[in-house]
Amino acid sequence: MTSAPETSRDPARFRPCAGLMIVNGLGRVFVGKRIDTKEGDWWQMPQGGIDKGEDLHEAAFRELHEETGITREKVEIVATTREELFYELPSHLHGKLWGGKYIGQRQSWFLLRFSGEDADIDLAAHDPAEFSEFRWIEPELLPQLIIPFKQPVYEQVLAEFRDLI
């Protein structure tokens, strides 16, 4: 299953998360190759959970640094999604991630303009690292690089931010 049906979106069943679409000066989007994916060659934009009591913006900047090594001084927030975007894990993963507490994620996405250089990116800034490598891609390629159950969210993020990239 990909996106959760509207009627089943009890927010308490979905992990709160910040997602980051990082765009460079050429209008390309940062994606990282996931270390923990056992099947497939999946790339994704940085994202991560919001800690209890943590401000959404602080979570976004924390995740930015943990997953990419990029500091907040090297990005500018251009936009955020108008509402949370939901995805549900495939049923065989229910109860296996995040201590079994959630069936998916509810994500607030940020469009960030990156003013730095590739040398400012450090995928090993946090242990454990999430990505083994990164690249900059054309935005339209995003949906085909992500694991299929997250594809509808990527399509929504791209549609909402496309004119601002």
N, C-alpha and C. Protein backbone atom coordinates (compact mmCIF):
# COMPACT_ATOMS: atom_id res chain seq x y z
N MET A 1 0.84 -1.18 0.00
CA MET A 1 0.00 0.00 0.00
C MET A 1 0.89 1.24 0.00
N THR A 2 0.51 2.27 -0.71
CA THR A 2 1.32 3.48 -0.76
C THR A 2 0.75 4.51 0.20
N SER A 3 0.01 5.46 -0.30
CA SER A 3 -0.56 6.47 0.60
C SER A 3 -1.71 5.89 1.40
N ALA A 4 -1.78 6.30 2.65
CA ALA A 4 -2.87 5.82 3.50
C ALA A 4 -4.18 6.44 3.04
N PRO A 5 -5.26 5.67 3.00
CA PRO A 5 -6.55 6.26 2.63
C PRO A 5 -6.91 7.36 3.62
N GLU A 6 -7.59 8.38 3.12
CA GLU A 6 -7.96 9.54 3.93
C GLU A 6 -8.64 9.14 5.24
N THR A 7 -9.49 8.14 5.19
CA THR A 7 -10.26 7.74 6.37
C THR A 7 -9.41 7.07 7.44
N SER A 8 -8.24 6.54 7.09
CA SER A 8 -7.43 5.82 8.07
C SER A 8 -6.26 6.65 8.59
N ARG A 9 -6.25 7.93 8.34
CA ARG A 9 -5.11 8.75 8.72
C ARG A 9 -5.22 9.28 10.15
N ASP A 10 -5.18 8.39 11.09
CA ASP A 10 -5.10 8.78 12.49
C ASP A 10 -3.66 9.24 12.72
N PRO A 11 -3.41 10.53 12.93
CA PRO A 11 -2.04 11.02 13.05
C PRO A 11 -1.21 10.29 14.11
N ALA A 12 -1.84 9.79 15.14
CA ALA A 12 -1.10 9.09 16.19
C ALA A 12 -0.45 7.80 15.68
N ARG A 13 -0.93 7.27 14.56
CA ARG A 13 -0.39 6.03 14.00
C ARG A 13 0.75 6.28 13.02
N PHE A 14 1.06 7.57 12.78
CA PHE A 14 2.09 7.94 11.82
C PHE A 14 3.16 8.77 12.50
N ARG A 15 4.41 8.37 12.31
CA ARG A 15 5.55 9.04 12.93
C ARG A 15 5.73 10.45 12.35
N PRO A 16 5.79 11.48 13.20
CA PRO A 16 6.04 12.82 12.69
C PRO A 16 7.46 12.94 12.15
N CYS A 17 7.59 13.62 11.03
CA CYS A 17 8.86 13.61 10.32
C CYS A 17 9.05 14.91 9.55
N ALA A 18 10.31 15.31 9.41
CA ALA A 18 10.68 16.45 8.57
C ALA A 18 11.41 15.91 7.35
N GLY A 19 11.02 16.38 6.17
CA GLY A 19 11.67 16.00 4.92
C GLY A 19 12.32 17.22 4.29
N LEU A 20 13.42 17.00 3.58
CA LEU A 20 14.22 18.10 3.06
C LEU A 20 14.50 17.94 1.57
N MET A 21 13.95 18.83 0.76
CA MET A 21 14.32 18.89 -0.65
C MET A 21 15.38 19.98 -0.74
N ILE A 22 16.63 19.57 -0.93
CA ILE A 22 17.76 20.49 -1.00
C ILE A 22 18.08 20.71 -2.48
N VAL A 23 18.07 21.97 -2.89
CA VAL A 23 18.28 22.31 -4.29
C VAL A 23 19.54 23.16 -4.41
N ASN A 24 20.38 22.81 -5.38
CA ASN A 24 21.60 23.60 -5.59
C ASN A 24 21.36 24.72 -6.59
N GLY A 25 22.40 25.48 -6.89
CA GLY A 25 22.28 26.62 -7.78
C GLY A 25 21.92 26.27 -9.21
N LEU A 26 22.06 25.01 -9.58
CA LEU A 26 21.70 24.56 -10.93
C LEU A 26 20.28 24.01 -10.99
N GLY A 27 19.56 24.08 -9.85
CA GLY A 27 18.20 23.56 -9.83
C GLY A 27 18.12 22.06 -9.72
N ARG A 28 19.20 21.43 -9.29
CA ARG A 28 19.21 19.97 -9.10
C ARG A 28 18.98 19.67 -7.62
N VAL A 29 18.45 18.48 -7.38
CA VAL A 29 18.04 18.07 -6.03
C VAL A 29 19.01 17.03 -5.48
N PHE A 30 19.35 17.20 -4.21
CA PHE A 30 20.21 16.25 -3.49
C PHE A 30 19.45 14.97 -3.22
N VAL A 31 20.06 13.83 -3.54
CA VAL A 31 19.55 12.53 -3.12
C VAL A 31 20.72 11.70 -2.60
N GLY A 32 20.42 10.88 -1.61
CA GLY A 32 21.42 9.99 -1.05
C GLY A 32 21.01 8.55 -1.26
N LYS A 33 21.99 7.69 -1.48
CA LYS A 33 21.74 6.25 -1.62
C LYS A 33 21.69 5.64 -0.22
N ARG A 34 20.56 5.04 0.11
CA ARG A 34 20.37 4.48 1.44
C ARG A 34 21.31 3.31 1.70
N ILE A 35 21.88 3.31 2.89
CA ILE A 35 22.78 2.23 3.29
C ILE A 35 21.99 0.97 3.66
N ASP A 36 20.81 1.16 4.28
CA ASP A 36 20.09 0.04 4.86
C ASP A 36 19.09 -0.66 3.93
N THR A 37 19.05 -0.29 2.66
CA THR A 37 18.12 -0.94 1.74
C THR A 37 18.72 -2.24 1.24
N LYS A 38 18.02 -3.33 1.51
CA LYS A 38 18.53 -4.64 1.13
C LYS A 38 18.14 -5.04 -0.29
N GLU A 39 16.99 -4.54 -0.73
CA GLU A 39 16.52 -4.87 -2.07
C GLU A 39 16.36 -3.59 -2.88
N GLY A 40 16.95 -3.54 -4.04
CA GLY A 40 16.78 -2.38 -4.90
C GLY A 40 17.87 -1.35 -4.71
N ASP A 41 17.91 -0.42 -5.63
CA ASP A 41 18.88 0.66 -5.65
C ASP A 41 18.13 1.95 -5.41
N TRP A 42 17.76 2.22 -4.15
CA TRP A 42 16.88 3.34 -3.84
C TRP A 42 17.66 4.54 -3.34
N TRP A 43 17.26 5.69 -3.83
CA TRP A 43 17.84 6.97 -3.44
C TRP A 43 16.72 7.79 -2.85
N GLN A 44 17.04 8.64 -1.89
CA GLN A 44 15.99 9.47 -1.30
C GLN A 44 16.55 10.81 -0.84
N MET A 45 15.63 11.73 -0.63
CA MET A 45 15.99 13.02 -0.04
C MET A 45 16.10 12.81 1.47
N PRO A 46 16.88 13.64 2.16
CA PRO A 46 17.00 13.51 3.62
C PRO A 46 15.65 13.68 4.30
N GLN A 47 15.45 12.91 5.34
CA GLN A 47 14.23 12.99 6.14
C GLN A 47 14.49 12.33 7.48
N GLY A 48 13.70 12.67 8.47
CA GLY A 48 13.87 12.01 9.75
C GLY A 48 12.84 12.44 10.75
N GLY A 49 12.73 11.66 11.79
CA GLY A 49 11.72 11.87 12.80
C GLY A 49 11.92 13.13 13.62
N ILE A 50 10.80 13.63 14.10
CA ILE A 50 10.80 14.80 14.99
C ILE A 50 10.73 14.27 16.41
N ASP A 51 11.70 14.64 17.23
CA ASP A 51 11.72 14.17 18.61
C ASP A 51 10.60 14.82 19.42
N LYS A 52 10.15 14.12 20.44
CA LYS A 52 9.09 14.65 21.30
C LYS A 52 9.50 16.01 21.85
N GLY A 53 8.63 17.00 21.67
CA GLY A 53 8.89 18.34 22.15
C GLY A 53 9.79 19.18 21.25
N GLU A 54 10.27 18.60 20.15
CA GLU A 54 11.17 19.32 19.25
C GLU A 54 10.38 20.17 18.26
N ASP A 55 10.85 21.37 18.02
CA ASP A 55 10.27 22.27 17.03
C ASP A 55 10.53 21.71 15.63
N LEU A 56 9.55 21.85 14.74
CA LEU A 56 9.66 21.33 13.37
C LEU A 56 10.90 21.86 12.65
N HIS A 57 11.15 23.16 12.75
CA HIS A 57 12.31 23.74 12.08
C HIS A 57 13.62 23.22 12.67
N GLU A 58 13.67 23.08 13.99
CA GLU A 58 14.87 22.54 14.62
C GLU A 58 15.10 21.10 14.18
N ALA A 59 14.03 20.34 14.08
CA ALA A 59 14.16 18.95 13.61
C ALA A 59 14.71 18.92 12.19
N ALA A 60 14.21 19.82 11.35
CA ALA A 60 14.68 19.87 9.96
C ALA A 60 16.17 20.18 9.90
N PHE A 61 16.62 21.16 10.65
CA PHE A 61 18.04 21.50 10.64
C PHE A 61 18.90 20.40 11.27
N ARG A 62 18.37 19.74 12.31
CA ARG A 62 19.11 18.62 12.91
C ARG A 62 19.28 17.50 11.89
N GLU A 63 18.18 17.13 11.24
CA GLU A 63 18.24 16.07 10.23
C GLU A 63 19.15 16.45 9.07
N LEU A 64 19.09 17.71 8.66
CA LEU A 64 19.97 18.19 7.59
C LEU A 64 21.42 17.91 7.94
N HIS A 65 21.81 18.28 9.15
CA HIS A 65 23.20 18.08 9.54
C HIS A 65 23.53 16.61 9.76
N GLU A 66 22.64 15.87 10.42
CA GLU A 66 22.92 14.45 10.68
C GLU A 66 23.09 13.65 9.40
N GLU A 67 22.24 13.90 8.41
CA GLU A 67 22.25 13.06 7.22
C GLU A 67 23.18 13.55 6.12
N THR A 68 23.50 14.86 6.13
CA THR A 68 24.32 15.40 5.03
C THR A 68 25.57 16.13 5.49
N GLY A 69 25.63 16.48 6.78
CA GLY A 69 26.75 17.29 7.27
C GLY A 69 26.60 18.77 6.93
N ILE A 70 25.55 19.13 6.21
CA ILE A 70 25.33 20.53 5.83
C ILE A 70 24.84 21.31 7.06
N THR A 71 25.41 22.48 7.27
CA THR A 71 24.99 23.33 8.38
C THR A 71 23.92 24.30 7.92
N ARG A 72 23.16 24.82 8.86
CA ARG A 72 22.05 25.72 8.53
C ARG A 72 22.52 27.00 7.83
N GLU A 73 23.77 27.39 8.04
CA GLU A 73 24.30 28.59 7.39
C GLU A 73 24.44 28.41 5.89
N LYS A 74 24.43 27.16 5.42
CA LYS A 74 24.61 26.87 3.99
C LYS A 74 23.29 26.68 3.25
N VAL A 75 22.16 26.89 3.93
CA VAL A 75 20.86 26.74 3.27
C VAL A 75 19.93 27.89 3.64
N GLU A 76 18.97 28.09 2.77
CA GLU A 76 17.90 29.06 3.02
C GLU A 76 16.58 28.32 2.83
N ILE A 77 15.66 28.48 3.77
CA ILE A 77 14.34 27.88 3.60
C ILE A 77 13.56 28.70 2.58
N VAL A 78 13.15 28.04 1.52
CA VAL A 78 12.39 28.70 0.46
C VAL A 78 10.89 28.51 0.69
N ALA A 79 10.50 27.31 1.11
CA ALA A 79 9.07 27.01 1.30
C ALA A 79 8.92 25.77 2.16
N THR A 80 7.71 25.57 2.66
CA THR A 80 7.33 24.33 3.34
C THR A 80 6.02 23.87 2.72
N THR A 81 5.77 22.57 2.83
CA THR A 81 4.51 22.06 2.30
C THR A 81 3.34 22.65 3.08
N ARG A 82 2.22 22.81 2.40
CA ARG A 82 1.04 23.42 3.02
C ARG A 82 0.45 22.53 4.11
N GLU A 83 0.61 21.23 3.96
CA GLU A 83 0.07 20.29 4.95
C GLU A 83 0.99 19.08 5.04
N GLU A 84 0.79 18.28 6.07
CA GLU A 84 1.57 17.05 6.22
C GLU A 84 1.21 16.08 5.10
N LEU A 85 2.22 15.35 4.64
CA LEU A 85 2.02 14.32 3.63
C LEU A 85 2.22 12.97 4.31
N PHE A 86 1.34 12.03 4.03
CA PHE A 86 1.36 10.73 4.69
C PHE A 86 1.81 9.63 3.75
N TYR A 87 2.56 8.67 4.30
CA TYR A 87 2.74 7.41 3.59
C TYR A 87 2.64 6.28 4.61
N GLU A 88 2.13 5.17 4.15
CA GLU A 88 2.02 3.98 4.99
C GLU A 88 3.05 2.97 4.52
N LEU A 89 3.67 2.31 5.49
CA LEU A 89 4.61 1.23 5.18
C LEU A 89 3.86 0.05 4.58
N PRO A 90 4.53 -0.75 3.76
CA PRO A 90 3.90 -1.99 3.33
C PRO A 90 3.54 -2.83 4.56
N SER A 91 2.47 -3.58 4.48
CA SER A 91 1.97 -4.31 5.65
C SER A 91 3.01 -5.23 6.28
N HIS A 92 3.91 -5.80 5.48
CA HIS A 92 4.92 -6.70 6.06
C HIS A 92 5.94 -5.96 6.95
N LEU A 93 5.94 -4.62 6.89
CA LEU A 93 6.83 -3.84 7.74
C LEU A 93 6.12 -3.24 8.96
N HIS A 94 4.80 -3.38 9.02
CA HIS A 94 4.07 -2.87 10.19
C HIS A 94 4.62 -3.57 11.43
N GLY A 95 4.88 -2.78 12.46
CA GLY A 95 5.36 -3.35 13.72
C GLY A 95 6.84 -3.64 13.75
N LYS A 96 7.56 -3.40 12.65
CA LYS A 96 8.99 -3.74 12.60
C LYS A 96 9.91 -2.52 12.68
N LEU A 97 9.39 -1.35 12.40
CA LEU A 97 10.20 -0.13 12.46
C LEU A 97 9.71 0.76 13.59
N TRP A 98 10.58 1.64 14.04
CA TRP A 98 10.22 2.66 15.04
C TRP A 98 9.58 2.04 16.29
N GLY A 99 10.11 0.91 16.71
CA GLY A 99 9.60 0.25 17.91
C GLY A 99 8.19 -0.29 17.76
N GLY A 100 7.74 -0.44 16.51
CA GLY A 100 6.40 -0.98 16.27
C GLY A 100 5.28 -0.01 16.55
N LYS A 101 5.61 1.23 16.87
CA LYS A 101 4.59 2.20 17.29
C LYS A 101 3.81 2.80 16.12
N TYR A 102 4.43 2.88 14.94
CA TYR A 102 3.81 3.58 13.81
C TYR A 102 3.65 2.67 12.59
N ILE A 103 2.66 3.00 11.75
CA ILE A 103 2.45 2.25 10.51
C ILE A 103 2.96 3.03 9.29
N GLY A 104 3.48 4.22 9.53
CA GLY A 104 3.99 5.05 8.44
C GLY A 104 4.47 6.37 9.00
N GLN A 105 4.61 7.32 8.10
CA GLN A 105 5.07 8.64 8.52
C GLN A 105 4.12 9.73 8.02
N ARG A 106 4.09 10.82 8.79
CA ARG A 106 3.41 12.05 8.37
C ARG A 106 4.51 13.10 8.31
N GLN A 107 4.70 13.63 7.12
CA GLN A 107 5.88 14.43 6.86
C GLN A 107 5.55 15.87 6.51
N SER A 108 6.32 16.78 7.07
CA SER A 108 6.32 18.18 6.67
C SER A 108 7.61 18.38 5.89
N TRP A 109 7.49 18.88 4.67
CA TRP A 109 8.65 19.02 3.80
C TRP A 109 9.10 20.46 3.68
N PHE A 110 10.42 20.64 3.59
CA PHE A 110 11.05 21.93 3.42
C PHE A 110 11.79 21.95 2.09
N LEU A 111 11.65 23.04 1.35
CA LEU A 111 12.47 23.28 0.18
C LEU A 111 13.61 24.18 0.64
N LEU A 112 14.84 23.69 0.52
CA LEU A 112 16.01 24.42 0.97
C LEU A 112 16.91 24.74 -0.22
N ARG A 113 17.35 26.00 -0.32
CA ARG A 113 18.31 26.39 -1.35
C ARG A 113 19.69 26.29 -0.73
N PHE A 114 20.54 25.45 -1.34
CA PHE A 114 21.89 25.19 -0.86
C PHE A 114 22.87 26.19 -1.48
N SER A 115 23.61 26.90 -0.65
CA SER A 115 24.56 27.89 -1.14
C SER A 115 26.01 27.42 -1.02
N GLY A 116 26.19 26.21 -0.54
CA GLY A 116 27.53 25.70 -0.35
C GLY A 116 28.08 24.96 -1.56
N GLU A 117 29.10 24.18 -1.29
CA GLU A 117 29.75 23.36 -2.31
C GLU A 117 29.69 21.91 -1.86
N ASP A 118 29.96 21.01 -2.79
CA ASP A 118 29.95 19.59 -2.43
C ASP A 118 30.90 19.28 -1.28
N ALA A 119 31.95 20.04 -1.14
CA ALA A 119 32.91 19.83 -0.04
C ALA A 119 32.26 20.08 1.32
N ASP A 120 31.12 20.79 1.35
CA ASP A 120 30.40 21.06 2.60
C ASP A 120 29.51 19.88 3.01
N ILE A 121 29.46 18.86 2.17
CA ILE A 121 28.62 17.69 2.44
C ILE A 121 29.47 16.59 3.05
N ASP A 122 29.01 16.06 4.18
CA ASP A 122 29.73 15.00 4.89
C ASP A 122 28.72 13.94 5.32
N LEU A 123 28.63 12.88 4.55
CA LEU A 123 27.64 11.84 4.84
C LEU A 123 27.94 11.08 6.12
N ALA A 124 29.16 11.20 6.63
CA ALA A 124 29.54 10.53 7.87
C ALA A 124 29.49 11.47 9.07
N ALA A 125 28.76 12.59 8.94
CA ALA A 125 28.68 13.56 10.04
C ALA A 125 28.02 12.97 11.27
N HIS A 126 27.20 11.97 11.09
CA HIS A 126 26.47 11.34 12.19
C HIS A 126 26.68 9.84 12.11
N ASP A 127 26.80 9.21 13.26
CA ASP A 127 26.95 7.76 13.31
C ASP A 127 25.70 7.16 13.94
N PRO A 128 24.97 6.31 13.26
CA PRO A 128 25.31 5.72 11.97
C PRO A 128 24.91 6.62 10.81
N ALA A 129 25.66 6.52 9.73
CA ALA A 129 25.34 7.26 8.51
C ALA A 129 24.13 6.61 7.84
N GLU A 130 23.33 7.40 7.14
CA GLU A 130 22.16 6.88 6.43
C GLU A 130 22.43 6.65 4.96
N PHE A 131 23.36 7.44 4.39
CA PHE A 131 23.64 7.37 2.97
C PHE A 131 25.07 6.93 2.72
N SER A 132 25.25 6.13 1.66
CA SER A 132 26.60 5.70 1.28
C SER A 132 27.21 6.62 0.24
N GLU A 133 26.37 7.32 -0.51
CA GLU A 133 26.83 8.27 -1.52
C GLU A 133 25.70 9.23 -1.84
N PHE A 134 26.04 10.31 -2.53
CA PHE A 134 25.00 11.28 -2.91
C PHE A 134 25.25 11.73 -4.33
N ARG A 135 24.21 12.34 -4.89
CA ARG A 135 24.33 12.97 -6.20
C ARG A 135 23.25 14.04 -6.32
N TRP A 136 23.41 14.89 -7.32
CA TRP A 136 22.45 15.94 -7.63
C TRP A 136 21.72 15.52 -8.89
N ILE A 137 20.39 15.52 -8.84
CA ILE A 137 19.60 15.03 -9.98
C ILE A 137 18.57 16.07 -10.43
N GLU A 138 18.08 15.87 -11.63
CA GLU A 138 16.97 16.68 -12.11
C GLU A 138 15.75 16.35 -11.26
N PRO A 139 14.98 17.35 -10.84
CA PRO A 139 13.83 17.10 -9.95
C PRO A 139 12.84 16.06 -10.48
N GLU A 140 12.63 16.03 -11.78
CA GLU A 140 11.65 15.10 -12.36
C GLU A 140 12.01 13.63 -12.15
N LEU A 141 13.28 13.35 -11.84
CA LEU A 141 13.71 11.96 -11.62
C LEU A 141 13.38 11.43 -10.23
N LEU A 142 13.02 12.32 -9.32
CA LEU A 142 12.80 11.92 -7.92
C LEU A 142 11.85 10.74 -7.76
N PRO A 143 10.65 10.78 -8.33
CA PRO A 143 9.72 9.67 -8.07
C PRO A 143 10.22 8.30 -8.52
N GLN A 144 11.03 8.24 -9.55
CA GLN A 144 11.48 6.93 -10.02
C GLN A 144 12.68 6.38 -9.24
N LEU A 145 13.32 7.22 -8.42
CA LEU A 145 14.47 6.77 -7.65
C LEU A 145 14.12 6.31 -6.24
N ILE A 146 12.94 6.70 -5.76
CA ILE A 146 12.55 6.39 -4.39
C ILE A 146 11.89 5.02 -4.31
N ILE A 147 11.97 4.40 -3.16
CA ILE A 147 11.30 3.12 -2.96
C ILE A 147 9.81 3.31 -3.26
N PRO A 148 9.18 2.38 -3.95
CA PRO A 148 7.82 2.61 -4.47
C PRO A 148 6.76 3.08 -3.46
N PHE A 149 6.79 2.62 -2.22
CA PHE A 149 5.72 3.03 -1.30
C PHE A 149 5.83 4.50 -0.90
N LYS A 150 6.96 5.15 -1.16
CA LYS A 150 7.11 6.58 -0.87
C LYS A 150 6.88 7.44 -2.12
N GLN A 151 6.69 6.80 -3.25
CA GLN A 151 6.58 7.53 -4.52
C GLN A 151 5.47 8.58 -4.53
N PRO A 152 4.25 8.29 -4.04
CA PRO A 152 3.21 9.33 -4.06
C PRO A 152 3.60 10.59 -3.28
N VAL A 153 4.30 10.43 -2.16
CA VAL A 153 4.74 11.60 -1.39
C VAL A 153 5.73 12.42 -2.21
N TYR A 154 6.67 11.74 -2.87
CA TYR A 154 7.64 12.46 -3.69
C TYR A 154 6.96 13.20 -4.84
N GLU A 155 5.95 12.61 -5.41
CA GLU A 155 5.21 13.28 -6.47
C GLU A 155 4.50 14.53 -5.94
N GLN A 156 3.95 14.43 -4.72
CA GLN A 156 3.29 15.58 -4.10
C GLN A 156 4.29 16.69 -3.77
N VAL A 157 5.44 16.34 -3.21
CA VAL A 157 6.47 17.32 -2.88
C VAL A 157 6.94 18.02 -4.15
N LEU A 158 7.20 17.24 -5.18
CA LEU A 158 7.65 17.81 -6.44
C LEU A 158 6.60 18.74 -7.03
N ALA A 159 5.36 18.34 -7.01
CA ALA A 159 4.29 19.18 -7.55
C ALA A 159 4.17 20.49 -6.78
N GLU A 160 4.29 20.42 -5.47
CA GLU A 160 4.15 21.63 -4.66
C GLU A 160 5.34 22.58 -4.80
N PHE A 161 6.54 22.04 -4.95
CA PHE A 161 7.74 22.89 -4.98
C PHE A 161 8.25 23.18 -6.39
N ARG A 162 7.73 22.51 -7.41
CA ARG A 162 8.29 22.59 -8.77
C ARG A 162 8.56 24.04 -9.23
N ASP A 163 7.60 24.92 -9.07
CA ASP A 163 7.74 26.29 -9.56
C ASP A 163 8.74 27.12 -8.74
N LEU A 164 9.14 26.63 -7.58
CA LEU A 164 10.06 27.37 -6.72
C LEU A 164 11.50 26.89 -6.86
N ILE A 165 11.67 25.76 -7.50
CA ILE A 165 13.02 25.18 -7.65
C ILE A 165 13.86 26.07 -8.53
